[in-house]
Amino acid sequence: GPRFFKTYGMTPLTGGDLTEAQMSGPRTLMLNEQAARRFFGARDPRGTQVGFGSPYEVAGVVRDARVNALREDPRPVVFMPYGQTRPRGALVFAVRTRTVDSETIAAIARAARDVDALVPIRIMPLERVRTASLGRDRLLARLSSFFAAAGLLLLAIGLVGLLTFRVQQRTTEIGVRLALGASGRQVVWLMLQH
């Protein structure tokens, strides 16, 4: 729709955001940098006709962005206006607001139901989408931290057990050294060295 790229915070490099006139006129589309390089090399693709079932005119190029997942490298993407295509799968509408509160969410849900009451609606703030996208990475980080801490704990228990065993084996020697005038610090240092 209009202001799509502004809503998502994406930067058009050439051609600007699609206008209402472009979306209601001849079929137009926008490419990201990856798609422009892949299909046109170093040439400016604006005004070029491309075929995606029907001929479309390239209106401009938008800066690469991570579209599906934050950890995914940008890939070639073609942006087509909703009214000029046959959508496949779920439709996603983006609404840019100053605040994300229950009143705003309720107003968005009412507006969507006014258009079609039978369409299922799921409203999710962008921050929650980001959090969900990083959920697997956060879980892996937490598991790694847990196993690292468990490993350090086992290491510490093992070292204490080994030191205790060695001290028990040398109890007589320690007693003799203390009787001959060795300080406690010297005996501890001797045990730690071996």
Protein backbone atom coordinates (compact mmCIF):
# COMPACT_ATOMS: atom_id res chain seq x y z
CA GLY A 1 0.00 0.00 0.00
CA PRO A 2 0.97 3.65 0.03
CA ARG A 3 3.76 4.55 2.46
CA PHE A 4 4.63 0.83 2.84
CA PHE A 5 8.36 1.45 3.00
CA LYS A 6 8.01 4.40 5.37
CA THR A 7 5.79 2.29 7.65
CA TYR A 8 8.41 -0.45 7.83
CA GLY A 9 11.29 2.01 8.10
CA MET A 10 12.79 0.88 4.79
CA THR A 11 14.69 3.35 2.62
CA PRO A 12 13.86 3.69 -1.09
CA LEU A 13 17.13 4.32 -2.95
CA THR A 14 15.53 5.25 -6.27
CA GLY A 15 11.93 6.00 -7.14
CA GLY A 16 10.61 6.73 -3.65
CA ASP A 17 7.63 5.02 -2.02
CA LEU A 18 4.82 3.86 -4.31
CA THR A 19 2.06 6.43 -4.70
CA GLU A 20 -1.71 5.90 -4.98
CA ALA A 21 -1.49 6.82 -8.69
CA GLN A 22 1.21 4.20 -9.34
CA MET A 23 -0.77 1.56 -7.46
CA SER A 24 -4.02 2.22 -9.33
CA GLY A 25 -2.38 2.73 -12.75
CA PRO A 26 -0.30 0.30 -14.82
CA ARG A 27 1.26 -2.60 -12.92
CA THR A 28 4.30 -1.44 -10.97
CA LEU A 29 6.70 -3.00 -8.51
CA MET A 30 9.74 -2.20 -6.41
CA LEU A 31 12.90 -4.31 -6.07
CA ASN A 32 15.33 -4.53 -3.21
CA GLU A 33 19.06 -4.10 -3.94
CA GLN A 34 19.64 -7.86 -4.11
CA ALA A 35 16.90 -8.35 -6.71
CA ALA A 36 18.06 -5.32 -8.73
CA ARG A 37 21.65 -6.65 -8.82
CA ARG A 38 20.50 -10.16 -9.66
CA PHE A 39 18.19 -9.18 -12.53
CA PHE A 40 19.81 -5.98 -13.84
CA GLY A 41 23.44 -5.98 -12.69
CA ALA A 42 24.73 -2.41 -12.32
CA ARG A 43 22.01 -0.85 -14.55
CA ASP A 44 19.27 1.33 -13.07
CA PRO A 45 16.13 -0.82 -13.46
CA ARG A 46 13.60 2.04 -13.18
CA GLY A 47 11.16 2.09 -16.06
CA THR A 48 12.10 -1.41 -17.22
CA GLN A 49 9.31 -3.87 -18.00
CA VAL A 50 9.58 -7.26 -16.25
CA GLY A 51 7.25 -10.24 -16.44
CA PHE A 52 5.73 -11.92 -13.41
CA GLY A 53 2.80 -13.53 -15.18
CA SER A 54 1.88 -10.07 -16.48
CA PRO A 55 4.22 -7.22 -17.40
CA TYR A 56 5.18 -4.90 -14.53
CA GLU A 57 7.18 -1.70 -14.63
CA VAL A 58 9.99 -1.30 -12.10
CA ALA A 59 9.23 1.89 -10.15
CA GLY A 60 12.40 1.88 -8.04
CA VAL A 61 14.83 0.14 -5.74
CA VAL A 62 14.64 -0.07 -1.96
CA ARG A 63 17.55 -0.75 0.40
CA ASP A 64 18.02 -4.39 1.43
CA ALA A 65 16.33 -5.39 4.68
CA ARG A 66 15.79 -8.56 6.62
CA VAL A 67 12.25 -9.48 5.66
CA ASN A 68 11.52 -12.87 7.25
CA ALA A 69 14.01 -13.20 10.11
CA LEU A 70 16.56 -10.95 11.77
CA ARG A 71 19.31 -13.57 11.52
CA GLU A 72 18.70 -14.19 7.82
CA ASP A 73 20.87 -12.43 5.24
CA PRO A 74 18.91 -10.20 2.86
CA ARG A 75 17.75 -12.01 -0.24
CA PRO A 76 16.17 -10.81 -3.51
CA VAL A 77 12.67 -9.46 -2.85
CA VAL A 78 10.08 -8.03 -5.23
CA PHE A 79 7.44 -5.72 -3.70
CA MET A 80 4.14 -5.61 -5.60
CA PRO A 81 1.10 -3.49 -4.68
CA TYR A 82 -1.69 -5.55 -3.13
CA GLY A 83 -4.34 -4.40 -5.61
CA GLN A 84 -2.25 -5.49 -8.62
CA THR A 85 -1.52 -9.06 -7.55
CA ARG A 86 -3.26 -12.20 -6.40
CA PRO A 87 -2.02 -12.66 -2.85
CA ARG A 88 -0.97 -16.11 -1.67
CA GLY A 89 -1.10 -17.12 1.98
CA ALA A 90 -1.81 -14.77 4.84
CA LEU A 91 -2.20 -11.04 4.33
CA VAL A 92 -0.19 -8.81 6.60
CA PHE A 93 -1.14 -5.20 7.19
CA ALA A 94 1.26 -2.86 8.93
CA VAL A 95 0.11 0.12 10.97
CA ARG A 96 2.60 2.67 12.30
CA THR A 97 1.52 4.28 15.58
CA ARG A 98 3.14 6.53 18.15
CA THR A 99 2.07 4.28 21.03
CA VAL A 100 1.12 0.63 21.40
CA ASP A 101 -1.62 0.57 24.01
CA SER A 102 -4.87 -1.36 24.37
CA GLU A 103 -6.91 1.55 23.00
CA THR A 104 -4.86 1.73 19.80
CA ILE A 105 -4.97 -2.05 19.33
CA ALA A 106 -8.75 -2.07 19.85
CA ALA A 107 -9.20 0.71 17.25
CA ILE A 108 -7.12 -1.22 14.70
CA ALA A 109 -9.12 -4.41 15.36
CA ARG A 110 -12.42 -2.51 14.95
CA ALA A 111 -11.28 -1.01 11.65
CA ALA A 112 -10.26 -4.45 10.34
CA ARG A 113 -13.58 -6.01 11.43
CA ASP A 114 -15.48 -3.18 9.73
CA VAL A 115 -13.86 -4.22 6.43
CA ASP A 116 -14.57 -7.95 6.87
CA ALA A 117 -15.87 -9.43 10.12
CA LEU A 118 -15.08 -13.02 9.03
CA VAL A 119 -11.36 -12.56 8.51
CA PRO A 120 -9.30 -13.72 11.52
CA ILE A 121 -7.26 -10.91 13.03
CA ARG A 122 -4.02 -11.18 14.98
CA ILE A 123 -2.42 -7.95 16.10
CA MET A 124 1.21 -8.12 17.10
CA PRO A 125 3.45 -5.13 17.90
CA LEU A 126 6.71 -5.12 15.93
CA GLU A 127 8.74 -5.48 19.13
CA ARG A 128 6.98 -8.78 19.83
CA VAL A 129 7.71 -9.93 16.27
CA ARG A 130 11.39 -9.12 16.82
CA THR A 131 11.40 -10.96 20.15
CA ALA A 132 9.76 -14.02 18.56
CA SER A 133 12.31 -13.95 15.73
CA LEU A 134 15.16 -14.04 18.26
CA GLY A 135 13.48 -16.61 20.55
CA ARG A 136 15.51 -19.56 19.29
CA ASP A 137 18.78 -17.64 19.63
CA ARG A 138 17.91 -16.58 23.16
CA LEU A 139 17.04 -20.17 24.11
CA LEU A 140 20.36 -21.41 22.71
CA ALA A 141 22.22 -18.67 24.61
CA ARG A 142 20.48 -19.59 27.86
CA LEU A 143 21.15 -23.30 27.37
CA SER A 144 24.81 -22.60 26.57
CA SER A 145 25.13 -20.46 29.70
CA PHE A 146 23.48 -23.16 31.82
CA PHE A 147 25.77 -25.92 30.52
CA ALA A 148 28.85 -23.70 30.90
CA ALA A 149 27.90 -22.98 34.54
CA ALA A 150 27.21 -26.70 35.14
CA GLY A 151 30.61 -27.54 33.63
CA LEU A 152 32.36 -25.02 35.89
CA LEU A 153 30.54 -26.39 38.93
CA LEU A 154 31.58 -29.97 38.07
CA LEU A 155 35.15 -28.79 37.53
CA ALA A 156 35.19 -27.07 40.94
CA ILE A 157 33.72 -30.15 42.67
CA GLY A 158 36.33 -32.34 40.95
CA LEU A 159 39.19 -30.10 42.03
CA VAL A 160 37.97 -30.01 45.64
CA GLY A 161 37.60 -33.80 45.63
CA LEU A 162 41.10 -34.29 44.19
CA LEU A 163 42.63 -31.88 46.71
CA THR A 164 40.79 -33.60 49.60
CA PHE A 165 42.02 -37.01 48.43
CA ARG A 166 45.63 -35.82 48.17
CA VAL A 167 45.49 -34.20 51.62
CA GLN A 168 44.10 -37.42 53.14
CA GLN A 169 46.93 -39.43 51.56
CA ARG A 170 49.53 -37.07 53.01
CA THR A 171 48.03 -36.51 56.47
CA THR A 172 51.06 -38.05 58.21
CA GLU A 173 53.50 -35.95 56.17
CA ILE A 174 51.52 -32.78 56.97
CA GLY A 175 51.62 -33.59 60.68
CA VAL A 176 55.40 -34.15 60.59
CA ARG A 177 55.99 -30.86 58.69
CA LEU A 178 53.84 -28.93 61.18
CA ALA A 179 55.68 -30.58 64.12
CA LEU A 180 59.03 -29.56 62.61
CA GLY A 181 57.91 -25.90 62.44
CA ALA A 182 56.36 -25.42 58.99
CA SER A 183 53.66 -22.75 58.88
CA GLY A 184 50.10 -23.53 57.79
CA ARG A 185 50.64 -21.34 54.72
CA GLN A 186 53.69 -23.39 53.68
CA VAL A 187 51.76 -26.66 54.05
CA VAL A 188 48.82 -25.32 52.00
CA TRP A 189 51.24 -24.12 49.31
CA LEU A 190 52.90 -27.56 49.24
CA MET A 191 49.51 -29.28 48.76
CA LEU A 192 48.52 -26.89 45.97
CA GLN A 193 51.83 -27.42 44.12
CA HIS A 194 51.42 -31.19 43.90
